[in-house]
């Protein structure tokens, strides 16, 4: 996929993501904290998981893509996945 075709200006923005899987009614909340002193990006994804038997056979993939202000390749990306029950 060519992301420039969808209007992302990579001279101004960076794109981060983390693939996750959840049951059919799962929901996600995303939070990004950029620490310019420590040169880290903390990307937290909270997933609300459906525990119903009707959901147990259906899983969805999510790339969790987020556009952030431009950072260079010296930044370390730290991802944290938090699972919560629906």
N, C-alpha and C. Protein backbone atom coordinates (compact mmCIF):
# COMPACT_ATOMS: atom_id res chain seq x y z
N UNK A 1 0.85 -1.18 0.00
CA UNK A 1 0.00 0.00 0.00
C UNK A 1 0.89 1.23 0.00
N UNK A 2 0.56 2.21 -0.80
CA UNK A 2 1.28 3.46 -0.85
C UNK A 2 0.52 4.48 0.00
N UNK A 3 1.04 4.77 1.20
CA UNK A 3 0.34 5.65 2.13
C UNK A 3 0.30 7.10 1.65
N UNK A 4 1.19 7.50 0.74
CA UNK A 4 1.14 8.86 0.23
C UNK A 4 -0.12 9.08 -0.59
N UNK A 5 -0.70 8.02 -1.13
CA UNK A 5 -1.94 8.13 -1.89
C UNK A 5 -3.13 8.49 -1.01
N UNK A 6 -3.03 8.28 0.30
CA UNK A 6 -4.14 8.61 1.19
C UNK A 6 -3.88 9.88 1.98
N UNK A 7 -2.87 10.62 1.59
CA UNK A 7 -2.67 11.95 2.13
C UNK A 7 -1.80 12.07 3.36
N UNK A 8 -0.96 11.09 3.67
CA UNK A 8 -0.05 11.23 4.80
C UNK A 8 1.23 11.90 4.31
N UNK A 9 1.56 13.03 4.90
CA UNK A 9 2.78 13.75 4.55
C UNK A 9 3.88 13.27 5.51
N UNK A 10 4.72 12.35 5.03
CA UNK A 10 5.74 11.75 5.90
C UNK A 10 6.88 12.71 6.23
N UNK A 11 6.89 13.89 5.66
CA UNK A 11 7.87 14.90 6.09
C UNK A 11 7.40 15.56 7.38
N UNK A 12 6.10 15.42 7.71
CA UNK A 12 5.52 16.02 8.91
C UNK A 12 5.04 14.99 9.93
N UNK A 13 4.75 13.77 9.47
CA UNK A 13 4.13 12.76 10.33
C UNK A 13 4.84 11.42 10.23
N UNK A 14 4.72 10.64 11.29
CA UNK A 14 5.16 9.25 11.31
C UNK A 14 3.94 8.37 11.53
N UNK A 15 4.03 7.13 11.11
CA UNK A 15 2.93 6.18 11.24
C UNK A 15 3.41 5.03 12.10
N UNK A 16 2.67 4.74 13.17
CA UNK A 16 3.00 3.60 14.02
C UNK A 16 1.80 2.66 14.07
N UNK A 17 2.04 1.42 14.46
CA UNK A 17 0.95 0.46 14.56
C UNK A 17 1.38 -0.79 15.29
N UNK A 18 0.41 -1.55 15.73
CA UNK A 18 0.64 -2.83 16.40
C UNK A 18 -0.57 -3.70 16.12
N UNK A 19 -0.35 -4.83 15.49
CA UNK A 19 -1.47 -5.72 15.16
C UNK A 19 -1.96 -6.45 16.40
N UNK A 20 -3.29 -6.45 16.55
CA UNK A 20 -3.93 -7.18 17.65
C UNK A 20 -5.10 -7.97 17.09
N UNK A 21 -5.58 -8.89 17.90
CA UNK A 21 -6.75 -9.69 17.55
C UNK A 21 -7.74 -9.62 18.70
N UNK A 22 -9.01 -9.54 18.37
CA UNK A 22 -10.03 -9.53 19.42
C UNK A 22 -11.27 -10.23 18.91
N UNK A 23 -12.13 -10.59 19.84
CA UNK A 23 -13.39 -11.26 19.48
C UNK A 23 -14.31 -10.27 18.78
N UNK A 24 -15.41 -10.78 18.27
CA UNK A 24 -16.29 -10.02 17.37
C UNK A 24 -16.75 -8.68 17.91
N UNK A 25 -16.97 -8.57 19.21
CA UNK A 25 -17.44 -7.31 19.77
C UNK A 25 -16.35 -6.58 20.55
N UNK A 26 -15.13 -6.90 20.29
CA UNK A 26 -14.03 -6.23 20.99
C UNK A 26 -13.91 -4.77 20.55
N UNK A 27 -13.48 -3.93 21.47
CA UNK A 27 -13.29 -2.50 21.18
C UNK A 27 -11.88 -2.12 21.61
N UNK A 28 -11.33 -1.12 20.95
CA UNK A 28 -9.99 -0.68 21.30
C UNK A 28 -9.97 0.81 21.64
N UNK A 29 -9.09 1.16 22.56
CA UNK A 29 -8.78 2.55 22.87
C UNK A 29 -7.27 2.69 22.77
N UNK A 30 -6.82 3.76 22.13
CA UNK A 30 -5.40 3.94 21.90
C UNK A 30 -4.91 5.22 22.57
N UNK A 31 -3.68 5.16 23.09
CA UNK A 31 -3.06 6.33 23.70
C UNK A 31 -1.57 6.35 23.33
N UNK A 32 -1.09 7.51 22.91
CA UNK A 32 0.32 7.66 22.54
C UNK A 32 0.94 8.78 23.38
N UNK A 33 2.10 8.48 23.98
CA UNK A 33 2.86 9.48 24.72
C UNK A 33 4.27 9.51 24.13
N UNK A 34 4.68 10.70 23.66
CA UNK A 34 6.01 10.86 23.08
C UNK A 34 6.87 11.62 24.09
N UNK A 35 7.99 11.01 24.46
CA UNK A 35 8.96 11.64 25.37
C UNK A 35 10.17 12.03 24.54
N UNK A 36 10.29 13.32 24.25
CA UNK A 36 11.37 13.79 23.39
C UNK A 36 12.73 13.79 24.09
N UNK A 37 12.75 13.82 25.42
CA UNK A 37 14.01 13.76 26.16
C UNK A 37 14.56 12.33 26.14
N UNK A 38 13.72 11.36 26.49
CA UNK A 38 14.14 9.96 26.51
C UNK A 38 14.10 9.32 25.12
N UNK A 39 13.54 10.02 24.16
CA UNK A 39 13.38 9.54 22.78
C UNK A 39 12.62 8.21 22.74
N UNK A 40 11.46 8.21 23.41
CA UNK A 40 10.60 7.03 23.42
C UNK A 40 9.19 7.41 22.99
N UNK A 41 8.51 6.44 22.44
CA UNK A 41 7.10 6.55 22.10
C UNK A 41 6.40 5.41 22.83
N UNK A 42 5.52 5.74 23.75
CA UNK A 42 4.75 4.72 24.46
C UNK A 42 3.37 4.66 23.83
N UNK A 43 3.07 3.51 23.26
CA UNK A 43 1.80 3.30 22.56
C UNK A 43 1.02 2.24 23.31
N UNK A 44 -0.06 2.66 23.97
CA UNK A 44 -0.90 1.75 24.76
C UNK A 44 -2.20 1.49 24.02
N UNK A 45 -2.54 0.21 23.92
CA UNK A 45 -3.80 -0.20 23.28
C UNK A 45 -4.59 -1.00 24.31
N UNK A 46 -5.75 -0.47 24.69
CA UNK A 46 -6.64 -1.17 25.61
C UNK A 46 -7.71 -1.85 24.78
N UNK A 47 -7.81 -3.16 24.92
CA UNK A 47 -8.78 -3.95 24.17
C UNK A 47 -9.83 -4.48 25.12
N UNK A 48 -11.09 -4.19 24.82
CA UNK A 48 -12.19 -4.75 25.58
C UNK A 48 -12.59 -6.05 24.87
N UNK A 49 -12.50 -7.15 25.60
CA UNK A 49 -12.69 -8.47 25.01
C UNK A 49 -14.07 -9.02 25.34
N UNK A 50 -14.71 -9.56 24.33
CA UNK A 50 -16.00 -10.23 24.50
C UNK A 50 -15.73 -11.68 24.93
N UNK A 51 -16.31 -12.10 26.03
CA UNK A 51 -16.12 -13.48 26.52
C UNK A 51 -17.33 -14.37 26.22
N UNK A 52 -18.29 -13.84 25.47
CA UNK A 52 -19.48 -14.61 25.15
C UNK A 52 -19.12 -15.80 24.26
N UNK A 53 -19.84 -16.91 24.42
CA UNK A 53 -19.60 -18.08 23.57
C UNK A 53 -19.88 -17.78 22.11
N UNK A 54 -20.83 -16.88 21.85
CA UNK A 54 -21.15 -16.54 20.46
C UNK A 54 -20.01 -15.78 19.80
N UNK A 55 -19.15 -15.17 20.58
CA UNK A 55 -18.01 -14.42 20.03
C UNK A 55 -16.75 -15.27 19.92
N UNK A 56 -16.72 -16.38 20.60
CA UNK A 56 -15.47 -17.13 20.72
C UNK A 56 -14.94 -17.68 19.39
N UNK A 57 -15.77 -17.78 18.37
CA UNK A 57 -15.32 -18.33 17.09
C UNK A 57 -15.00 -17.25 16.05
N UNK A 58 -15.26 -16.01 16.39
CA UNK A 58 -15.05 -14.93 15.43
C UNK A 58 -13.98 -13.98 15.97
N UNK A 59 -12.87 -13.88 15.25
CA UNK A 59 -11.80 -12.97 15.65
C UNK A 59 -11.55 -11.94 14.56
N UNK A 60 -11.26 -10.73 15.00
CA UNK A 60 -10.97 -9.64 14.08
C UNK A 60 -9.53 -9.19 14.27
N UNK A 61 -8.88 -8.87 13.17
CA UNK A 61 -7.53 -8.34 13.21
C UNK A 61 -7.61 -6.82 13.09
N UNK A 62 -6.76 -6.13 13.85
CA UNK A 62 -6.72 -4.68 13.80
C UNK A 62 -5.25 -4.26 13.77
N UNK A 63 -4.87 -3.44 12.80
CA UNK A 63 -3.48 -2.98 12.70
C UNK A 63 -3.19 -1.82 13.65
N UNK A 64 -4.22 -1.18 14.19
CA UNK A 64 -4.07 -0.10 15.16
C UNK A 64 -3.09 0.98 14.69
N UNK A 65 -3.27 1.42 13.47
CA UNK A 65 -2.40 2.45 12.91
C UNK A 65 -2.76 3.82 13.48
N UNK A 66 -1.73 4.59 13.83
CA UNK A 66 -1.90 5.92 14.39
C UNK A 66 -0.88 6.85 13.73
N UNK A 67 -1.34 8.02 13.33
CA UNK A 67 -0.46 9.04 12.78
C UNK A 67 -0.03 9.94 13.93
N UNK A 68 1.30 10.13 14.05
CA UNK A 68 1.85 10.98 15.11
C UNK A 68 2.76 12.04 14.48
N UNK A 69 3.09 13.09 15.24
CA UNK A 69 4.06 14.06 14.71
C UNK A 69 5.37 13.36 14.34
N UNK A 70 6.06 13.87 13.35
CA UNK A 70 7.28 13.26 12.83
C UNK A 70 8.32 13.04 13.94
N UNK A 71 8.86 11.82 14.00
CA UNK A 71 9.98 11.49 14.86
C UNK A 71 11.03 10.78 14.01
N UNK A 72 12.28 10.83 14.44
CA UNK A 72 13.31 10.15 13.67
C UNK A 72 13.46 8.70 14.13
N UNK A 73 14.32 7.96 13.44
CA UNK A 73 14.45 6.53 13.73
C UNK A 73 15.25 6.24 15.00
N UNK A 74 15.66 7.27 15.74
CA UNK A 74 16.35 7.05 17.02
C UNK A 74 15.37 6.86 18.17
N UNK A 75 14.10 7.12 17.95
CA UNK A 75 13.09 6.93 18.98
C UNK A 75 12.79 5.44 19.13
N UNK A 76 12.56 5.01 20.35
CA UNK A 76 12.22 3.61 20.65
C UNK A 76 10.72 3.53 20.87
N UNK A 77 10.06 2.63 20.15
CA UNK A 77 8.63 2.41 20.28
C UNK A 77 8.39 1.32 21.32
N UNK A 78 7.64 1.67 22.36
CA UNK A 78 7.25 0.70 23.39
C UNK A 78 5.74 0.52 23.31
N UNK A 79 5.29 -0.69 23.05
CA UNK A 79 3.86 -0.95 22.98
C UNK A 79 3.41 -1.75 24.19
N UNK A 80 2.20 -1.42 24.63
CA UNK A 80 1.61 -2.12 25.77
C UNK A 80 0.17 -2.45 25.40
N UNK A 81 -0.19 -3.72 25.55
CA UNK A 81 -1.54 -4.19 25.27
C UNK A 81 -2.22 -4.50 26.60
N UNK A 82 -3.37 -3.88 26.84
CA UNK A 82 -4.15 -4.13 28.05
C UNK A 82 -5.47 -4.77 27.62
N UNK A 83 -5.75 -5.94 28.16
CA UNK A 83 -7.01 -6.63 27.84
C UNK A 83 -7.99 -6.49 29.00
N UNK A 84 -9.21 -6.09 28.66
CA UNK A 84 -10.28 -5.92 29.64
C UNK A 84 -11.48 -6.74 29.19
N UNK A 85 -12.26 -7.26 30.12
CA UNK A 85 -13.47 -8.01 29.77
C UNK A 85 -14.62 -7.08 29.48
N UNK A 86 -15.45 -7.46 28.50
CA UNK A 86 -16.64 -6.69 28.12
C UNK A 86 -17.72 -6.89 29.15
